[in-house]
Structures are given as C-alpha cells and as structure tokens.
C-alpha cells in the first residue's frame, strides 16, 4: 500500500463529470477517480474547512463512528475493476467495511485518517507526471494541463 494525498476535486470538461485527484505521497503517480457531484461537494467542503449549518452525510458518519468509540485508522483503495474503484474503511478495532472511494475520502478528510492505495491500482490506473523538485510552481500548472486533457476513456481497462 502506498500513501496518497488528495490534490483536489475538479470537473472534467465538456462532460461536467466531477473527479477527485490523488497523488502518490512519495512518488510521481497521480490517480484520477470519477465521482458523483454530492461526493465532490463533500470532499471540497472538507478540504476548504466549510462547516455546513446541518451535518452532511459524511459529517453524520463521522459522528456515528465517534459515538461508537472507535476511530477510522485508514482508507484503503484496494482495486479497480472495469474502471470501477473499490475501497475499504479500516477501523482501529480491526473492523473493515467496504465503501466507495469517494465516500471514503470524504470521511478520511473529516477524521484525519490516512488514505492509502494498493500498488497494483497505482500500476494499473496511475498516471506518471514527472516533476522537478525545484519546480513546485510548475507542478500545479502541469497538473492543470493534465486535467484539461484527461478523458474517462484514458482509464478504462485494456
């Protein structure tokens, strides 16, 4: 398993399909996962520190986890099959629950849990965007260009 960071939520043009972009923490691979609009909003709110007046579903789930006296240790993106990604919520008491990556990421951002991805998923669906260490500002621009050119078909299994 490799730790990944949430780079953000974007909308692919012209389809207006939201996606979440993950980056390998100690590497140069990026992973794009197509998600629903509700989950995109939940992830963006968590990243921006937006607290809605009433709890959203992911806020509720966080409260339930806390009320049950457990903690979310990590989110694991475990596989990709036919372009569909799968994840597992791993709790501190050893319980694991199957979940969609988008919901899992939204919950991880609210709880501070780390997000990891199976090496095989990164090998299959990850995209390498090489970056020079001293060119951090250019990294953002290269990433934006990548998002402008990416299509769902680029991530279909061959």
C-alpha atoms as a PDB file:
ATOM      1  CA  UNK A   1       0.000   0.000   0.000  1.00  0.00           C
ATOM      2  CA  UNK A   2       1.191   3.492  -0.881  1.00  0.00           C
ATOM      3  CA  UNK A   3       0.003   6.625   0.887  1.00  0.00           C
ATOM      4  CA  UNK A   4      -1.763   9.165  -1.334  1.00  0.00           C
ATOM      5  CA  UNK A   5      -2.682  12.809  -0.874  1.00  0.00           C
ATOM      6  CA  UNK A   6      -5.919  14.405  -2.035  1.00  0.00           C
ATOM      7  CA  UNK A   7      -4.945  17.088  -4.533  1.00  0.00           C
ATOM      8  CA  UNK A   8      -8.483  18.299  -5.037  1.00  0.00           C
ATOM      9  CA  UNK A   9     -11.734  17.974  -6.876  1.00  0.00           C
ATOM     10  CA  UNK A  10     -12.118  19.101 -10.463  1.00  0.00           C
ATOM     11  CA  UNK A  11     -14.762  18.970 -13.153  1.00  0.00           C
ATOM     12  CA  UNK A  12     -13.838  17.372 -16.462  1.00  0.00           C
ATOM     13  CA  UNK A  13     -14.897  19.478 -19.414  1.00  0.00           C
ATOM     14  CA  UNK A  14     -17.033  19.136 -21.546  1.00  0.00           C
ATOM     15  CA  UNK A  15     -18.873  16.303 -19.747  1.00  0.00           C
ATOM     16  CA  UNK A  16     -19.029  18.221 -16.437  1.00  0.00           C
ATOM     17  CA  UNK A  17     -18.172  14.980 -14.633  1.00  0.00           C
ATOM     18  CA  UNK A  18     -16.514  15.588 -11.243  1.00  0.00           C
ATOM     19  CA  UNK A  19     -13.337  13.755 -10.341  1.00  0.00           C
ATOM     20  CA  UNK A  20     -11.013  13.558  -7.378  1.00  0.00           C
ATOM     21  CA  UNK A  21      -7.305  13.624  -7.989  1.00  0.00           C
ATOM     22  CA  UNK A  22      -4.937  11.742  -5.704  1.00  0.00           C
ATOM     23  CA  UNK A  23      -1.144  11.953  -5.772  1.00  0.00           C
ATOM     24  CA  UNK A  24       1.258   9.324  -4.526  1.00  0.00           C
ATOM     25  CA  UNK A  25       2.839  10.852  -1.387  1.00  0.00           C
ATOM     26  CA  UNK A  26       6.354   9.566  -2.087  1.00  0.00           C
ATOM     27  CA  UNK A  27       6.200   9.237  -5.843  1.00  0.00           C
ATOM     28  CA  UNK A  28       5.121  10.861  -9.031  1.00  0.00           C
ATOM     29  CA  UNK A  29       1.957   8.940  -9.899  1.00  0.00           C
ATOM     30  CA  UNK A  30      -1.480  10.530  -9.942  1.00  0.00           C
ATOM     31  CA  UNK A  31      -4.762   8.674  -9.682  1.00  0.00           C
ATOM     32  CA  UNK A  32      -7.982  10.130 -11.059  1.00  0.00           C
ATOM     33  CA  UNK A  33     -11.285   8.743  -9.805  1.00  0.00           C
ATOM     34  CA  UNK A  34     -14.585   9.825 -11.336  1.00  0.00           C
ATOM     35  CA  UNK A  35     -17.081  10.631  -8.573  1.00  0.00           C
ATOM     36  CA  UNK A  36     -20.597  11.952  -8.072  1.00  0.00           C
ATOM     37  CA  UNK A  37     -21.462  15.600  -7.568  1.00  0.00           C
ATOM     38  CA  UNK A  38     -22.564  15.108  -3.952  1.00  0.00           C
ATOM     39  CA  UNK A  39     -19.306  13.380  -3.045  1.00  0.00           C
ATOM     40  CA  UNK A  40     -17.296  16.040  -4.899  1.00  0.00           C
ATOM     41  CA  UNK A  41     -19.000  18.704  -2.808  1.00  0.00           C
ATOM     42  CA  UNK A  42     -18.364  16.760   0.405  1.00  0.00           C
ATOM     43  CA  UNK A  43     -14.654  16.386  -0.417  1.00  0.00           C
ATOM     44  CA  UNK A  44     -14.298  20.043  -1.426  1.00  0.00           C
ATOM     45  CA  UNK A  45     -16.074  21.223   1.737  1.00  0.00           C
ATOM     46  CA  UNK A  46     -13.748  19.135   3.918  1.00  0.00           C
ATOM     47  CA  UNK A  47     -10.647  20.438   2.142  1.00  0.00           C
ATOM     48  CA  UNK A  48     -11.802  24.029   2.462  1.00  0.00           C
ATOM     49  CA  UNK A  49     -12.896  23.670   6.086  1.00  0.00           C
ATOM     50  CA  UNK A  50     -16.515  24.540   5.260  1.00  0.00           C
ATOM     51  CA  UNK A  51     -18.871  23.578   8.076  1.00  0.00           C
ATOM     52  CA  UNK A  52     -22.474  23.406   6.867  1.00  0.00           C
ATOM     53  CA  UNK A  53     -25.227  24.564   9.225  1.00  0.00           C
ATOM     54  CA  UNK A  54     -26.535  20.995   9.364  1.00  0.00           C
ATOM     55  CA  UNK A  55     -24.323  17.905   9.105  1.00  0.00           C
ATOM     56  CA  UNK A  56     -23.938  16.310   5.710  1.00  0.00           C
ATOM     57  CA  UNK A  57     -23.981  12.527   5.404  1.00  0.00           C
ATOM     58  CA  UNK A  58     -20.202  12.255   5.866  1.00  0.00           C
ATOM     59  CA  UNK A  59     -20.334  14.510   8.937  1.00  0.00           C
ATOM     60  CA  UNK A  60     -23.061  12.267  10.346  1.00  0.00           C
ATOM     61  CA  UNK A  61     -20.980   9.165   9.686  1.00  0.00           C
ATOM     62  CA  UNK A  62     -18.017  10.754  11.473  1.00  0.00           C
ATOM     63  CA  UNK A  63     -20.260  11.460  14.478  1.00  0.00           C
ATOM     64  CA  UNK A  64     -21.550   7.874  14.477  1.00  0.00           C
ATOM     65  CA  UNK A  65     -18.007   6.477  14.386  1.00  0.00           C
ATOM     66  CA  UNK A  66     -17.031   8.709  17.322  1.00  0.00           C
ATOM     67  CA  UNK A  67     -20.192   7.823  19.279  1.00  0.00           C
ATOM     68  CA  UNK A  68     -19.368   4.134  18.888  1.00  0.00           C
ATOM     69  CA  UNK A  69     -15.973   4.764  20.496  1.00  0.00           C
ATOM     70  CA  UNK A  70     -13.875   3.806  17.500  1.00  0.00           C
ATOM     71  CA  UNK A  71     -11.604   5.604  15.066  1.00  0.00           C
ATOM     72  CA  UNK A  72     -11.059   5.356  11.354  1.00  0.00           C
ATOM     73  CA  UNK A  73      -7.411   4.284  11.012  1.00  0.00           C
ATOM     74  CA  UNK A  74      -7.154   4.470   7.257  1.00  0.00           C
ATOM     75  CA  UNK A  75      -8.936   4.350   3.954  1.00  0.00           C
ATOM     76  CA  UNK A  76      -7.614   1.738   1.532  1.00  0.00           C
ATOM     77  CA  UNK A  77      -8.239   1.966  -2.186  1.00  0.00           C
ATOM     78  CA  UNK A  78      -7.947  -1.725  -2.869  1.00  0.00           C
ATOM     79  CA  UNK A  79      -8.732  -2.414  -6.507  1.00  0.00           C
ATOM     80  CA  UNK A  80     -10.016  -1.201  -9.838  1.00  0.00           C
ATOM     81  CA  UNK A  81     -12.200  -3.493 -11.931  1.00  0.00           C
ATOM     82  CA  UNK A  82     -13.664  -2.456 -15.290  1.00  0.00           C
ATOM     83  CA  UNK A  83     -12.927   1.181 -14.463  1.00  0.00           C
ATOM     84  CA  UNK A  84     -14.673   0.973 -11.076  1.00  0.00           C
ATOM     85  CA  UNK A  85     -12.598   1.651  -7.963  1.00  0.00           C
ATOM     86  CA  UNK A  86     -13.160  -0.120  -4.637  1.00  0.00           C
ATOM     87  CA  UNK A  87     -12.177   0.925  -1.123  1.00  0.00           C
ATOM     88  CA  UNK A  88     -12.213  -0.296   2.453  1.00  0.00           C
ATOM     89  CA  UNK A  89     -12.657   1.658   5.679  1.00  0.00           C
ATOM     90  CA  UNK A  90     -10.238   0.194   8.253  1.00  0.00           C
ATOM     91  CA  UNK A  91     -11.115   0.933  11.879  1.00  0.00           C
ATOM     92  CA  UNK A  92      -8.890   0.769  14.969  1.00  0.00           C
ATOM     93  CA  UNK A  93     -10.843  -2.200  16.348  1.00  0.00           C
ATOM     94  CA  UNK A  94      -9.963  -4.349  13.318  1.00  0.00           C
ATOM     95  CA  UNK A  95     -13.313  -3.971  11.578  1.00  0.00           C
ATOM     96  CA  UNK A  96     -13.181  -3.340   7.837  1.00  0.00           C
ATOM     97  CA  UNK A  97     -16.115  -2.034   5.808  1.00  0.00           C
ATOM     98  CA  UNK A  98     -16.359  -1.988   2.011  1.00  0.00           C
ATOM     99  CA  UNK A  99     -17.094   1.502   0.674  1.00  0.00           C
ATOM    100  CA  UNK A 100     -16.867   3.684  -2.402  1.00  0.00           C
ATOM    101  CA  UNK A 101     -13.578   5.593  -2.621  1.00  0.00           C
ATOM    102  CA  UNK A 102     -15.380   8.936  -2.900  1.00  0.00           C
ATOM    103  CA  UNK A 103     -17.293   8.420   0.365  1.00  0.00           C
ATOM    104  CA  UNK A 104     -14.175   7.002   1.998  1.00  0.00           C
ATOM    105  CA  UNK A 105     -12.072  10.016   1.006  1.00  0.00           C
ATOM    106  CA  UNK A 106     -14.748  12.439   2.251  1.00  0.00           C
ATOM    107  CA  UNK A 107     -14.768  10.630   5.612  1.00  0.00           C
ATOM    108  CA  UNK A 108     -10.963  10.424   5.816  1.00  0.00           C
ATOM    109  CA  UNK A 109     -10.664  14.172   5.299  1.00  0.00           C
ATOM    110  CA  UNK A 110     -13.093  14.759   8.170  1.00  0.00           C
ATOM    111  CA  UNK A 111     -11.378  12.347  10.561  1.00  0.00           C
ATOM    112  CA  UNK A 112      -7.740  12.875   9.640  1.00  0.00           C
ATOM    113  CA  UNK A 113      -7.345   9.230   8.626  1.00  0.00           C
ATOM    114  CA  UNK A 114      -4.636   8.468   6.126  1.00  0.00           C
ATOM    115  CA  UNK A 115      -5.501   7.325   2.631  1.00  0.00           C
ATOM    116  CA  UNK A 116      -3.540   4.502   1.023  1.00  0.00           C
ATOM    117  CA  UNK A 117      -3.751   2.846  -2.358  1.00  0.00           C
ATOM    118  CA  UNK A 118      -2.805  -0.660  -3.401  1.00  0.00           C
ATOM    119  CA  UNK A 119       0.346  -0.718  -5.520  1.00  0.00           C
ATOM    120  CA  UNK A 120      -1.477  -2.713  -8.217  1.00  0.00           C
ATOM    121  CA  UNK A 121      -4.136   0.011  -8.526  1.00  0.00           C
ATOM    122  CA  UNK A 122      -1.449   2.658  -8.988  1.00  0.00           C
ATOM    123  CA  UNK A 123       0.326   0.446 -11.519  1.00  0.00           C
ATOM    124  CA  UNK A 124      -2.870  -0.090 -13.496  1.00  0.00           C
ATOM    125  CA  UNK A 125      -4.646   3.274 -13.252  1.00  0.00           C
ATOM    126  CA  UNK A 126      -1.965   5.710 -12.091  1.00  0.00           C
ATOM    127  CA  UNK A 127      -0.520   8.297 -14.445  1.00  0.00           C
ATOM    128  CA  UNK A 128       3.061   9.495 -14.101  1.00  0.00           C
ATOM    129  CA  UNK A 129       3.528  13.233 -14.240  1.00  0.00           C
ATOM    130  CA  UNK A 130       7.273  13.772 -13.699  1.00  0.00           C
ATOM    131  CA  UNK A 131       8.177  16.875 -11.693  1.00  0.00           C
ATOM    132  CA  UNK A 132      11.493  18.510 -10.923  1.00  0.00           C
ATOM    133  CA  UNK A 133      11.841  19.089  -7.188  1.00  0.00           C
ATOM    134  CA  UNK A 134      12.834  22.721  -7.597  1.00  0.00           C
ATOM    135  CA  UNK A 135       9.889  23.485  -9.860  1.00  0.00           C
ATOM    136  CA  UNK A 136       6.976  23.227  -7.420  1.00  0.00           C
ATOM    137  CA  UNK A 137       5.098  26.119  -9.049  1.00  0.00           C
ATOM    138  CA  UNK A 138       5.270  24.402 -12.432  1.00  0.00           C
ATOM    139  CA  UNK A 139       3.806  21.237 -10.895  1.00  0.00           C
ATOM    140  CA  UNK A 140       0.457  22.916 -10.377  1.00  0.00           C
ATOM    141  CA  UNK A 141       0.376  24.191 -13.957  1.00  0.00           C
ATOM    142  CA  UNK A 142       1.343  20.784 -15.383  1.00  0.00           C
ATOM    143  CA  UNK A 143      -1.368  19.197 -13.302  1.00  0.00           C
ATOM    144  CA  UNK A 144      -3.987  21.638 -14.587  1.00  0.00           C
ATOM    145  CA  UNK A 145      -2.935  20.882 -18.147  1.00  0.00           C
ATOM    146  CA  UNK A 146      -3.229  17.172 -17.392  1.00  0.00           C
ATOM    147  CA  UNK A 147      -6.765  17.644 -16.069  1.00  0.00           C
ATOM    148  CA  UNK A 148      -7.739  19.644 -19.144  1.00  0.00           C
ATOM    149  CA  UNK A 149      -6.659  16.790 -21.410  1.00  0.00           C
ATOM    150  CA  UNK A 150      -7.777  13.713 -19.439  1.00  0.00           C
ATOM    151  CA  UNK A 151     -10.833  11.719 -20.552  1.00  0.00           C
ATOM    152  CA  UNK A 152     -12.699   8.858 -18.835  1.00  0.00           C
ATOM    153  CA  UNK A 153     -11.625   6.561 -21.675  1.00  0.00           C
ATOM    154  CA  UNK A 154      -7.964   7.056 -20.637  1.00  0.00           C
ATOM    155  CA  UNK A 155      -8.630   4.978 -17.520  1.00  0.00           C
ATOM    156  CA  UNK A 156     -10.601   2.098 -18.988  1.00  0.00           C
ATOM    157  CA  UNK A 157      -9.098  -1.358 -18.593  1.00  0.00           C
ATOM    158  CA  UNK A 158      -7.470  -2.689 -21.739  1.00  0.00           C
END
